[in-house]
Protein backbone atom coordinates (compact mmCIF):
# COMPACT_ATOMS: atom_id res chain seq x y z
CA MET A 1 92.42 68.76 102.14
CA PRO A 2 90.29 70.95 104.43
CA HIS A 3 88.77 74.15 103.12
CA ILE A 4 88.87 77.39 105.05
CA ALA A 5 86.15 77.96 107.59
CA THR A 6 84.73 81.39 106.78
CA ASP A 7 82.20 81.67 109.60
CA LYS A 8 84.62 81.88 112.53
CA VAL A 9 87.03 84.58 111.43
CA GLN A 10 87.16 88.34 111.38
CA PRO A 11 88.59 90.20 108.37
CA MET A 12 91.83 92.02 109.06
CA LYS A 13 91.75 95.80 109.09
CA ASN A 14 93.45 97.37 106.08
CA THR A 15 95.80 99.42 108.24
CA ASP A 16 99.13 98.42 109.76
CA SER A 17 98.66 97.78 113.49
CA ALA A 18 102.03 99.31 114.35
CA SER A 19 102.20 102.39 112.10
CA GLY A 20 98.55 102.99 111.30
CA ALA A 21 99.46 103.27 107.60
CA ARG A 22 96.97 101.99 105.06
CA ILE A 23 97.93 98.71 103.37
CA SER A 24 96.78 97.26 100.06
CA ALA A 25 94.07 94.62 99.71
CA SER A 26 96.64 92.04 98.61
CA ASP A 27 98.69 92.84 101.73
CA VAL A 28 95.61 92.21 103.85
CA VAL A 29 95.39 88.71 102.36
CA PHE A 30 99.12 88.07 102.62
CA ARG A 31 99.40 89.18 106.24
CA GLY A 32 96.16 87.46 107.14
CA ILE A 33 97.44 84.12 105.92
CA MET A 34 100.75 84.62 107.74
CA ARG A 35 98.84 85.42 110.90
CA GLY A 36 96.51 82.49 110.37
CA LEU A 37 99.41 80.07 109.99
CA GLU A 38 100.87 81.03 113.32
CA ALA A 39 97.43 80.83 114.92
CA GLN A 40 96.90 77.39 113.34
CA GLN A 41 93.89 78.61 111.37
CA PHE A 42 95.70 77.34 108.28
CA VAL A 43 97.62 74.07 108.11
CA PRO A 44 100.28 72.59 105.80
CA GLY A 45 98.69 70.96 102.78
CA GLN A 46 95.50 73.01 103.04
CA ARG A 47 94.04 74.25 99.78
CA LEU A 48 93.45 78.00 99.62
CA VAL A 49 90.24 78.57 97.69
CA GLU A 50 89.93 81.96 96.01
CA THR A 51 86.26 82.47 96.80
CA ASP A 52 86.78 81.55 100.45
CA LEU A 53 89.64 84.03 100.75
CA MET A 54 87.59 86.76 99.06
CA VAL A 55 84.89 86.33 101.70
CA ARG A 56 87.31 85.94 104.60
CA PHE A 57 89.28 89.09 103.85
CA ASN A 58 86.57 91.07 102.04
CA VAL A 59 88.72 91.66 98.95
CA GLY A 60 88.47 91.09 95.20
CA ARG A 61 89.76 88.17 93.17
CA ASN A 62 92.75 90.08 91.77
CA SER A 63 93.93 90.95 95.28
CA VAL A 64 93.77 87.29 96.28
CA ARG A 65 95.74 86.26 93.19
CA GLU A 66 98.38 88.91 93.84
CA ALA A 67 98.77 87.64 97.41
CA MET A 68 99.06 84.02 96.20
CA GLN A 69 101.83 84.99 93.78
CA ARG A 70 103.73 86.69 96.58
CA LEU A 71 103.22 83.75 98.94
CA ALA A 72 104.46 81.39 96.24
CA ALA A 73 107.53 83.56 95.61
CA GLU A 74 108.37 83.41 99.32
CA GLY A 75 107.94 79.65 99.50
CA MET A 76 104.76 79.65 101.54
CA VAL A 77 102.39 78.11 99.01
CA ASP A 78 102.59 75.82 96.01
CA LEU A 79 100.68 76.93 92.92
CA SER A 80 99.17 74.42 90.52
CA ARG A 81 97.16 75.12 87.38
CA HIS A 82 94.66 72.43 88.32
CA LYS A 83 94.65 72.56 92.14
CA GLY A 84 95.26 76.26 92.69
CA ALA A 85 97.18 77.37 95.80
CA THR A 86 98.08 75.00 98.61
CA ILE A 87 99.95 75.72 101.83
CA ARG A 88 103.40 74.28 101.33
CA VAL A 89 104.30 71.20 103.32
CA LEU A 90 107.83 71.38 104.68
CA SER A 91 109.67 68.18 105.38
CA PRO A 92 111.52 67.92 108.71
CA GLN A 93 114.82 68.34 106.88
CA GLU A 94 113.60 71.43 105.01
CA THR A 95 112.51 72.95 108.30
CA LEU A 96 115.90 72.28 109.90
CA ASP A 97 117.72 73.66 106.86
CA LEU A 98 115.68 76.86 107.08
CA LEU A 99 116.48 77.15 110.78
CA ASP A 100 120.20 77.03 109.92
CA ILE A 101 119.68 80.14 107.82
CA VAL A 102 117.45 81.85 110.38
CA GLU A 103 120.04 81.26 113.12
CA ARG A 104 122.65 83.29 111.27
CA ILE A 105 120.21 86.03 110.34
CA LEU A 106 118.65 86.37 113.80
CA GLY A 107 122.10 86.60 115.39
CA LEU A 108 122.98 89.37 112.96
CA LEU A 109 119.64 91.06 113.55
CA THR A 110 120.09 91.25 117.31
CA ARG A 111 123.72 92.36 116.91
CA LYS A 112 122.71 95.22 114.61
CA ALA A 113 119.86 96.23 116.92
CA VAL A 114 122.47 97.20 119.53
CA ARG A 115 123.26 100.20 117.32
CA SER A 116 120.18 101.91 118.75
CA SER A 117 120.42 100.61 122.30
CA ASN A 118 121.03 104.13 123.63
CA ASN A 119 118.14 105.71 121.72
CA PRO A 120 115.33 106.48 124.21
CA ALA A 121 112.59 106.09 121.59
CA TYR A 122 113.79 102.63 120.56
CA ILE A 123 114.35 101.59 124.17
CA GLU A 124 110.72 102.44 124.88
CA GLU A 125 109.53 100.60 121.76
CA LEU A 126 111.46 97.44 122.58
CA GLN A 127 110.20 97.44 126.14
CA LEU A 128 106.66 97.94 124.83
CA ALA A 129 107.12 95.03 122.42
CA MET A 130 108.19 92.78 125.29
CA HIS A 131 105.25 93.95 127.38
CA ARG A 132 102.85 93.11 124.54
CA LEU A 133 104.36 89.64 124.26
CA GLU A 134 104.05 89.03 127.98
CA GLU A 135 100.47 90.29 128.08
CA ALA A 136 99.40 88.11 125.15
CA ASP A 137 101.19 85.11 126.62
CA GLU A 138 99.54 85.61 130.00
CA GLN A 139 96.11 85.85 128.38
CA ARG A 140 96.90 82.92 126.08
CA ASP A 141 95.70 85.00 123.15
CA VAL A 142 97.25 83.35 120.10
CA LEU A 143 96.38 86.07 117.62
CA ALA A 144 97.53 88.86 119.94
CA PHE A 145 100.79 86.99 120.50
CA SER A 146 101.27 86.61 116.76
CA ASP A 147 100.84 90.35 116.28
CA ALA A 148 103.10 91.13 119.24
CA ARG A 149 105.77 88.79 117.91
CA LEU A 150 105.76 90.48 114.50
CA TYR A 151 105.96 93.88 116.21
CA PHE A 152 108.88 92.66 118.36
CA TYR A 153 110.88 91.67 115.30
CA ARG A 154 109.90 94.85 113.47
CA VAL A 155 111.29 96.94 116.32
CA LEU A 156 114.57 95.00 116.27
CA LEU A 157 114.82 95.43 112.50
CA ASN A 158 114.16 99.15 112.77
CA MET A 159 116.79 99.44 115.50
CA GLY A 160 119.35 97.83 113.21
CA GLY A 161 118.44 100.08 110.29
CA ASN A 162 119.65 97.60 107.67
CA VAL A 163 117.30 97.50 104.66
CA ASP A 164 118.79 94.32 103.18
CA LEU A 165 118.55 92.52 106.51
CA LYS A 166 114.87 93.48 106.72
CA ARG A 167 114.22 91.96 103.32
CA LEU A 168 116.12 88.75 104.05
CA PHE A 169 114.62 88.24 107.49
CA THR A 170 111.05 88.72 106.27
CA THR A 171 111.63 86.23 103.48
CA VAL A 172 113.21 83.35 105.40
CA HIS A 173 111.78 83.35 108.91
CA ILE A 174 108.08 83.13 108.10
CA PRO A 175 108.00 79.71 106.37
CA VAL A 176 109.00 77.87 109.54
CA LEU A 177 106.28 79.35 111.75
CA TYR A 178 103.65 76.74 111.10
CA ALA A 179 106.15 73.90 111.38
CA GLN A 180 107.13 75.10 114.84
CA GLN A 181 103.55 74.87 116.06
CA ARG A 182 103.96 71.10 116.39
CA VAL A 183 106.17 71.70 119.44
CA PRO A 184 104.26 72.10 122.74
CA ALA A 185 107.30 73.61 124.49
CA LEU A 186 107.76 76.36 121.90
CA GLN A 187 105.86 79.09 123.76
CA LYS A 188 107.97 78.77 126.90
CA ILE A 189 111.13 78.78 124.79
CA ARG A 190 110.03 81.92 123.00
CA MET A 191 109.28 83.90 126.13
CA THR A 192 112.53 82.97 127.86
CA ASP A 193 114.59 83.72 124.77
CA TYR A 194 112.82 86.97 123.91
CA ARG A 195 113.52 88.31 127.40
CA ARG A 196 117.19 87.38 126.99
CA ILE A 197 117.32 89.13 123.61
CA VAL A 198 115.82 92.33 125.04
CA THR A 199 118.21 92.30 128.00
CA THR A 200 121.33 91.85 125.89
CA VAL A 201 120.30 94.39 123.24
CA LEU A 202 119.49 97.07 125.81
CA ALA A 203 122.77 96.30 127.60
CA GLY A 204 124.56 97.39 124.41
CA ASP A 205 126.60 94.20 124.13
CA GLU A 206 126.82 93.20 120.46
CA ASP A 207 128.42 89.80 121.07
CA GLU A 208 125.94 88.78 123.75
CA ALA A 209 123.02 90.03 121.68
CA ASP A 210 124.29 88.00 118.71
CA ARG A 211 124.54 84.90 120.90
CA ALA A 212 121.06 85.48 122.35
CA GLY A 213 119.53 85.69 118.88
CA ALA A 214 121.31 82.59 117.63
CA LEU A 215 120.55 80.70 120.85
CA HIS A 216 116.83 81.22 120.34
CA VAL A 217 116.95 79.39 117.02
CA GLN A 218 119.17 76.68 118.50
CA ASN A 219 116.61 76.12 121.24
CA VAL A 220 113.79 75.94 118.69
CA ARG A 221 115.80 73.45 116.62
CA GLN A 222 116.47 71.26 119.66
CA ALA A 223 112.79 71.27 120.60
CA LEU A 224 111.86 70.33 117.04
CA LEU A 225 114.35 67.46 117.00
CA GLU A 226 113.03 66.16 120.30
CA GLN A 227 109.46 66.37 119.05
CA LEU A 228 110.39 64.59 115.80
CA ALA A 229 112.08 61.82 117.77
CA GLN A 230 109.02 61.49 119.99
CA ASN A 231 106.70 61.36 116.99
CA GLN A 232 108.88 58.73 115.33
CA ALA A 233 108.93 56.61 118.47
CA THR A 234 105.14 56.82 118.72
CA TYR A 235 104.73 55.92 115.04
CA THR A 236 107.07 52.89 115.21
CA HIS A 237 105.24 51.55 118.26
């Protein structure tokens, strides 16, 4: 499996980009790997070498190990006594099963976000989140889009104000990110669907917002299925 290239990356800052709050060294590693997965800097099956991660994120060994334990608990990596940590490889069926869960949660997330659709501060934040997505998409900046996407979902979660939903969403939606990267059409799907989500949430329509959230996952699932079928056809020929 490939090792991590340490000469082409920049360590993450140890502050949260949205709130400015200081985050722990293990959080720097955890978030950095999440970000790297979406940016395709990490790939399924890749071994995560402690010393490489220490250099990449400028942290100590204990911080790396803490992050690996958290990643393993959330299903992102497999830990082996002999091989160490490896990015988990999801089968197509596992990915689709996860999307079934995400569909229900994202629909609920967007429905709950409507609670704050008349709050001027949240309206401004959601519009800013969409602007950041559009700007990153226009510039084709993968890392900026990853950060904007996380901010977008954070705003929706804050609008809903449901602590348990925050915990569940953070746990289940991340593992499918790297699997989705196999789909060339994903970026266009995201932008179209995110605009629909913002429109329905700000309109204050719970049912339409719920449908918009669920529809996004349905569209991702359909694109994945089409890509899987295409890959299978190429392989058999």
